[in-house]
């Protein structure tokens, strides 16, 4: 998913002068069938870099 935003650079005139920004969102789904308690604990304790989130549904 890509969200694009255009912002006018000048606060008063020059509508033709705009800056473009975008936010890219990547999603991955992993389905773990019949997980053990050890697997769930390992997934909960994952050390992820900044900007990366994990959602675990039981």
N, C-alpha and C. Protein backbone atom coordinates (compact mmCIF):
# COMPACT_ATOMS: atom_id res chain seq x y z
N UNK A 1 0.85 -1.17 0.00
CA UNK A 1 0.00 0.00 0.00
C UNK A 1 0.90 1.23 0.00
N UNK A 2 0.63 2.15 -0.89
CA UNK A 2 1.41 3.38 -1.00
C UNK A 2 0.47 4.57 -0.79
N UNK A 3 0.79 5.40 0.20
CA UNK A 3 0.04 6.62 0.44
C UNK A 3 0.91 7.78 -0.01
N UNK A 4 0.39 8.63 -0.89
CA UNK A 4 1.15 9.75 -1.41
C UNK A 4 0.52 11.07 -0.95
N UNK A 5 1.39 12.00 -0.58
CA UNK A 5 0.96 13.31 -0.11
C UNK A 5 1.71 14.38 -0.88
N UNK A 6 1.02 15.43 -1.29
CA UNK A 6 1.64 16.58 -1.93
C UNK A 6 1.47 17.79 -1.02
N UNK A 7 2.58 18.47 -0.76
CA UNK A 7 2.57 19.62 0.13
C UNK A 7 3.12 20.81 -0.63
N UNK A 8 2.42 21.94 -0.54
CA UNK A 8 2.88 23.16 -1.19
C UNK A 8 4.11 23.67 -0.44
N UNK A 9 5.20 23.93 -1.18
CA UNK A 9 6.45 24.35 -0.54
C UNK A 9 6.35 25.76 0.04
N UNK A 10 5.68 26.64 -0.66
CA UNK A 10 5.56 28.02 -0.22
C UNK A 10 4.27 28.18 0.58
N UNK A 11 4.31 29.02 1.57
CA UNK A 11 3.11 29.25 2.38
C UNK A 11 2.16 30.27 1.78
N UNK A 12 2.57 30.96 0.72
CA UNK A 12 1.74 32.06 0.22
C UNK A 12 1.34 31.89 -1.24
N UNK A 13 2.33 31.74 -2.15
CA UNK A 13 2.02 31.61 -3.58
C UNK A 13 2.75 30.41 -4.15
N UNK A 14 2.83 30.31 -5.45
CA UNK A 14 3.56 29.24 -6.16
C UNK A 14 2.96 27.86 -5.91
N UNK A 15 1.70 27.69 -6.31
CA UNK A 15 1.07 26.38 -6.17
C UNK A 15 1.76 25.33 -7.03
N UNK A 16 2.46 25.76 -8.08
CA UNK A 16 3.15 24.81 -8.96
C UNK A 16 4.36 24.17 -8.27
N UNK A 17 4.85 24.79 -7.21
CA UNK A 17 6.01 24.26 -6.49
C UNK A 17 5.52 23.41 -5.32
N UNK A 18 5.48 22.10 -5.53
CA UNK A 18 5.00 21.19 -4.48
C UNK A 18 6.03 20.11 -4.21
N UNK A 19 6.00 19.60 -2.98
CA UNK A 19 6.87 18.50 -2.60
C UNK A 19 6.01 17.25 -2.44
N UNK A 20 6.50 16.12 -2.90
CA UNK A 20 5.76 14.87 -2.79
C UNK A 20 6.42 13.97 -1.74
N UNK A 21 5.58 13.37 -0.90
CA UNK A 21 6.03 12.41 0.10
C UNK A 21 5.21 11.14 -0.08
N UNK A 22 5.77 10.00 0.29
CA UNK A 22 5.00 8.76 0.23
C UNK A 22 5.36 7.88 1.42
N UNK A 23 4.38 7.11 1.86
CA UNK A 23 4.56 6.13 2.92
C UNK A 23 4.23 4.78 2.32
N UNK A 24 5.18 3.85 2.39
CA UNK A 24 4.97 2.51 1.85
C UNK A 24 4.74 1.55 3.01
N UNK A 25 3.67 0.77 2.90
CA UNK A 25 3.33 -0.21 3.92
C UNK A 25 3.36 -1.59 3.28
N UNK A 26 4.17 -2.47 3.85
CA UNK A 26 4.28 -3.84 3.37
C UNK A 26 3.70 -4.77 4.43
N UNK A 27 2.89 -5.71 4.02
CA UNK A 27 2.27 -6.64 4.96
C UNK A 27 2.59 -8.07 4.56
N UNK A 28 2.88 -8.89 5.54
CA UNK A 28 3.10 -10.31 5.34
C UNK A 28 2.27 -11.07 6.37
N UNK A 29 1.71 -12.17 5.96
CA UNK A 29 0.90 -12.98 6.85
C UNK A 29 1.53 -14.36 6.94
N UNK A 30 1.77 -14.80 8.16
CA UNK A 30 2.31 -16.13 8.39
C UNK A 30 1.31 -16.87 9.26
N UNK A 31 0.81 -17.98 8.78
CA UNK A 31 -0.17 -18.78 9.51
C UNK A 31 0.55 -19.99 10.11
N UNK A 32 0.63 -20.03 11.44
CA UNK A 32 1.29 -21.13 12.13
C UNK A 32 0.19 -22.08 12.61
N UNK A 33 0.19 -23.28 12.06
CA UNK A 33 -0.83 -24.25 12.42
C UNK A 33 -0.40 -25.05 13.64
N UNK A 34 -1.28 -25.13 14.61
CA UNK A 34 -1.05 -25.89 15.84
C UNK A 34 0.25 -25.47 16.54
N UNK A 35 0.36 -24.19 16.95
CA UNK A 35 1.59 -23.73 17.59
C UNK A 35 1.69 -24.23 19.03
N UNK A 36 2.90 -24.52 19.45
CA UNK A 36 3.14 -24.90 20.85
C UNK A 36 3.35 -23.63 21.66
N UNK A 37 3.36 -23.77 22.98
CA UNK A 37 3.57 -22.61 23.85
C UNK A 37 4.97 -22.03 23.63
N UNK A 38 5.93 -22.88 23.34
CA UNK A 38 7.29 -22.43 23.08
C UNK A 38 7.35 -21.58 21.81
N UNK A 39 6.61 -21.96 20.78
CA UNK A 39 6.57 -21.19 19.53
C UNK A 39 5.94 -19.82 19.76
N UNK A 40 4.87 -19.77 20.51
CA UNK A 40 4.19 -18.51 20.81
C UNK A 40 5.11 -17.59 21.59
N UNK A 41 5.81 -18.13 22.58
CA UNK A 41 6.73 -17.32 23.39
C UNK A 41 7.88 -16.78 22.53
N UNK A 42 8.39 -17.59 21.62
CA UNK A 42 9.48 -17.16 20.75
C UNK A 42 9.03 -16.02 19.83
N UNK A 43 7.81 -16.10 19.32
CA UNK A 43 7.28 -15.04 18.46
C UNK A 43 7.03 -13.76 19.24
N UNK A 44 6.60 -13.88 20.49
CA UNK A 44 6.32 -12.70 21.32
C UNK A 44 7.61 -11.98 21.70
N UNK A 45 8.72 -12.71 21.81
CA UNK A 45 9.98 -12.13 22.26
C UNK A 45 10.89 -11.72 21.11
N UNK A 46 10.40 -11.73 19.88
CA UNK A 46 11.23 -11.34 18.73
C UNK A 46 11.71 -9.90 18.87
N UNK A 47 12.98 -9.69 18.59
CA UNK A 47 13.56 -8.35 18.61
C UNK A 47 13.49 -7.79 17.20
N UNK A 48 12.59 -6.83 16.98
CA UNK A 48 12.34 -6.29 15.64
C UNK A 48 12.95 -4.90 15.51
N UNK A 49 13.41 -4.54 14.31
CA UNK A 49 13.97 -3.19 14.11
C UNK A 49 12.88 -2.12 14.19
N UNK A 50 13.30 -0.88 14.29
CA UNK A 50 12.37 0.25 14.38
C UNK A 50 11.51 0.31 13.12
N UNK A 51 10.23 0.57 13.31
CA UNK A 51 9.31 0.68 12.18
C UNK A 51 8.68 -0.63 11.76
N UNK A 52 9.06 -1.73 12.40
CA UNK A 52 8.50 -3.05 12.08
C UNK A 52 7.64 -3.48 13.25
N UNK A 53 6.38 -3.80 12.96
CA UNK A 53 5.45 -4.23 14.00
C UNK A 53 4.99 -5.64 13.73
N UNK A 54 4.57 -6.31 14.80
CA UNK A 54 4.05 -7.66 14.69
C UNK A 54 2.74 -7.72 15.47
N UNK A 55 1.78 -8.45 14.91
CA UNK A 55 0.49 -8.64 15.58
C UNK A 55 0.23 -10.13 15.65
N UNK A 56 0.00 -10.62 16.86
CA UNK A 56 -0.22 -12.05 17.06
C UNK A 56 -1.65 -12.25 17.54
N UNK A 57 -2.39 -13.05 16.79
CA UNK A 57 -3.77 -13.39 17.16
C UNK A 57 -3.81 -14.87 17.50
N UNK A 58 -4.42 -15.18 18.61
CA UNK A 58 -4.52 -16.58 19.03
C UNK A 58 -5.91 -17.11 18.74
